[in-house]
Amino acid sequence: MIPLTTSASCSTMSDAEDVGKIVERKDDGMAKKTKKPNQKMQAWIEARKRHHLSHAQVHMARELGMNPAKLGKIDNHKQQPWKLPLPQFIEELYFKRFGKTSPEAVLSIEERCRLEAAKKEERRTARLRAVDSATTREAPLR
């Protein structure tokens, strides 16, 4: 759990409570709130919670190309005894398609968003440095 201070009150947030609130620790010990994941990732976070899926099962469903909004149709609502429960159904489809029981590297949606944001920020700073060095080289010395 990460203690988080808000303007209204102090609270602690677990992964289950902070749907779109990714919090990172800075070197000075202060928590910095980053922006919410994009809508696609947010839909997968909500689907994971709604259908009680693990991070591995969400990863498998994404690799299979499933739509998080349509998982409710696939899910067994205990009225259809021939259907498998959604988590086992995803695992079975994944095994049929890829021939393995689980992906090699499983990342949570939140971790994937953090890595993508860090990569994007790194590319942005590299591009700014390249533009800076190009403008300093082009400026004539007088």
Protein backbone atom coordinates (compact mmCIF):
# COMPACT_ATOMS: atom_id res chain seq x y z
CA MET A 1 0.00 0.00 0.00
CA ILE A 2 1.14 3.51 -0.79
CA PRO A 3 0.15 6.31 1.57
CA LEU A 4 -1.29 9.10 -0.50
CA THR A 5 -2.10 12.60 0.72
CA THR A 6 -4.97 14.34 -1.02
CA SER A 7 -6.41 17.78 -0.48
CA ALA A 8 -9.52 16.36 1.20
CA SER A 9 -8.04 13.74 3.52
CA CYS A 10 -5.24 11.24 4.05
CA SER A 11 -5.85 7.70 2.89
CA THR A 12 -4.04 4.63 1.74
CA MET A 13 -4.77 3.13 -1.64
CA SER A 14 -4.34 -0.46 -2.74
CA ASP A 15 -4.22 -1.70 -6.33
CA ALA A 16 -7.89 -2.67 -6.13
CA GLU A 17 -8.99 0.80 -5.06
CA ASP A 18 -6.99 3.01 -7.43
CA VAL A 19 -8.45 2.13 -10.82
CA GLY A 20 -6.82 4.96 -12.76
CA LYS A 21 -4.55 6.55 -10.20
CA ILE A 22 -1.01 5.47 -10.89
CA VAL A 23 1.29 6.80 -8.19
CA GLU A 24 5.07 6.93 -8.44
CA ARG A 25 7.60 7.62 -5.73
CA LYS A 26 10.12 10.38 -6.27
CA ASP A 27 13.60 10.37 -4.73
CA ASP A 28 12.53 12.93 -2.14
CA GLY A 29 9.85 10.56 -0.74
CA MET A 30 6.93 12.56 -2.09
CA ALA A 31 4.31 10.72 -4.11
CA LYS A 32 3.64 12.14 -7.55
CA LYS A 33 0.35 11.35 -9.24
CA THR A 34 0.73 10.62 -12.93
CA LYS A 35 -2.03 10.78 -15.49
CA LYS A 36 -4.63 8.05 -15.92
CA PRO A 37 -4.05 5.20 -18.37
CA ASN A 38 -5.62 5.64 -21.78
CA GLN A 39 -9.16 4.41 -22.42
CA LYS A 40 -8.08 1.05 -23.86
CA MET A 41 -6.04 0.20 -20.80
CA GLN A 42 -8.73 1.57 -18.49
CA ALA A 43 -11.26 -0.79 -20.10
CA TRP A 44 -8.98 -3.76 -19.39
CA ILE A 45 -8.50 -2.68 -15.77
CA GLU A 46 -12.27 -2.50 -15.30
CA ALA A 47 -12.78 -5.85 -17.05
CA ARG A 48 -10.16 -7.47 -14.81
CA LYS A 49 -12.02 -6.31 -11.72
CA ARG A 50 -15.52 -7.01 -13.03
CA HIS A 51 -14.76 -10.57 -14.15
CA HIS A 52 -12.20 -11.44 -11.41
CA LEU A 53 -9.36 -12.14 -13.83
CA SER A 54 -5.69 -12.40 -12.95
CA HIS A 55 -3.00 -10.31 -14.64
CA ALA A 56 -1.94 -13.38 -16.63
CA GLN A 57 -5.50 -14.00 -17.84
CA VAL A 58 -5.85 -10.36 -18.92
CA HIS A 59 -2.53 -10.65 -20.77
CA MET A 60 -3.76 -13.83 -22.51
CA ALA A 61 -7.08 -12.23 -23.46
CA ARG A 62 -5.28 -9.23 -24.94
CA GLU A 63 -2.98 -11.49 -26.98
CA LEU A 64 -6.03 -13.40 -28.21
CA GLY A 65 -7.51 -10.11 -29.42
CA MET A 66 -10.55 -10.18 -27.15
CA ASN A 67 -12.62 -7.07 -26.57
CA PRO A 68 -12.91 -6.15 -22.86
CA ALA A 69 -16.42 -4.80 -23.38
CA LYS A 70 -17.63 -8.15 -24.77
CA LEU A 71 -16.24 -10.39 -22.01
CA GLY A 72 -19.62 -10.39 -20.23
CA LYS A 73 -21.20 -12.19 -23.20
CA ILE A 74 -18.56 -14.91 -23.07
CA ASP A 75 -18.76 -15.30 -19.29
CA ASN A 76 -20.82 -18.15 -17.81
CA HIS A 77 -23.70 -16.76 -15.78
CA LYS A 78 -24.43 -20.13 -14.12
CA GLN A 79 -27.48 -20.55 -16.35
CA GLN A 80 -25.48 -22.22 -19.08
CA PRO A 81 -23.85 -25.34 -17.60
CA TRP A 82 -22.07 -26.21 -20.86
CA LYS A 83 -19.98 -23.02 -20.73
CA LEU A 84 -16.66 -22.80 -18.95
CA PRO A 85 -16.11 -19.94 -16.51
CA LEU A 86 -14.40 -17.00 -18.23
CA PRO A 87 -10.91 -17.42 -16.67
CA GLN A 88 -10.73 -21.11 -17.67
CA PHE A 89 -12.17 -20.32 -21.11
CA ILE A 90 -9.44 -17.74 -21.77
CA GLU A 91 -6.73 -20.17 -20.60
CA GLU A 92 -8.13 -22.94 -22.82
CA LEU A 93 -8.28 -20.69 -25.91
CA TYR A 94 -4.74 -19.46 -25.22
CA PHE A 95 -3.46 -23.04 -25.00
CA LYS A 96 -5.23 -23.99 -28.27
CA ARG A 97 -3.87 -20.97 -30.15
CA PHE A 98 -0.32 -20.69 -28.78
CA GLY A 99 0.36 -24.18 -27.40
CA LYS A 100 1.49 -22.95 -24.00
CA THR A 101 -0.32 -22.53 -20.70
CA SER A 102 0.73 -18.93 -19.98
CA PRO A 103 2.75 -16.07 -21.48
CA GLU A 104 6.47 -15.86 -20.65
CA ALA A 105 6.44 -12.34 -19.22
CA VAL A 106 3.26 -11.21 -17.50
CA LEU A 107 2.91 -7.52 -16.73
CA SER A 108 -0.05 -5.92 -15.02
CA ILE A 109 -1.92 -3.26 -16.99
CA GLU A 110 -0.71 -0.59 -14.57
CA GLU A 111 2.93 -1.68 -14.93
CA ARG A 112 2.58 -1.76 -18.72
CA CYS A 113 1.21 1.83 -18.62
CA ARG A 114 4.12 2.93 -16.42
CA LEU A 115 6.68 1.39 -18.79
CA GLU A 116 5.01 2.94 -21.84
CA ALA A 117 4.91 6.35 -20.14
CA ALA A 118 8.60 6.10 -19.20
CA LYS A 119 9.51 5.05 -22.75
CA LYS A 120 7.48 7.92 -24.19
CA GLU A 121 9.13 10.42 -21.84
CA GLU A 122 12.58 9.07 -22.75
CA ARG A 123 11.84 9.48 -26.48
CA ARG A 124 10.51 13.00 -25.84
CA THR A 125 13.64 14.10 -23.97
CA ALA A 126 15.88 12.54 -26.62
CA ARG A 127 13.98 14.40 -29.34
CA LEU A 128 14.26 17.68 -27.41
CA ARG A 129 18.00 17.18 -26.95
CA ALA A 130 18.40 16.46 -30.67
CA VAL A 131 16.46 19.60 -31.57
CA ASP A 132 18.50 21.66 -29.07
CA SER A 133 21.82 20.42 -30.43
CA ALA A 134 20.67 21.00 -34.02
CA THR A 135 19.64 24.59 -33.30
CA THR A 136 22.90 25.38 -31.51
CA ARG A 137 24.92 24.01 -34.44
CA GLU A 138 22.92 25.96 -37.01
CA ALA A 139 23.16 29.30 -35.21
CA PRO A 140 25.98 31.34 -36.75
CA LEU A 141 28.65 32.62 -34.38
CA ARG A 142 29.18 36.41 -34.66
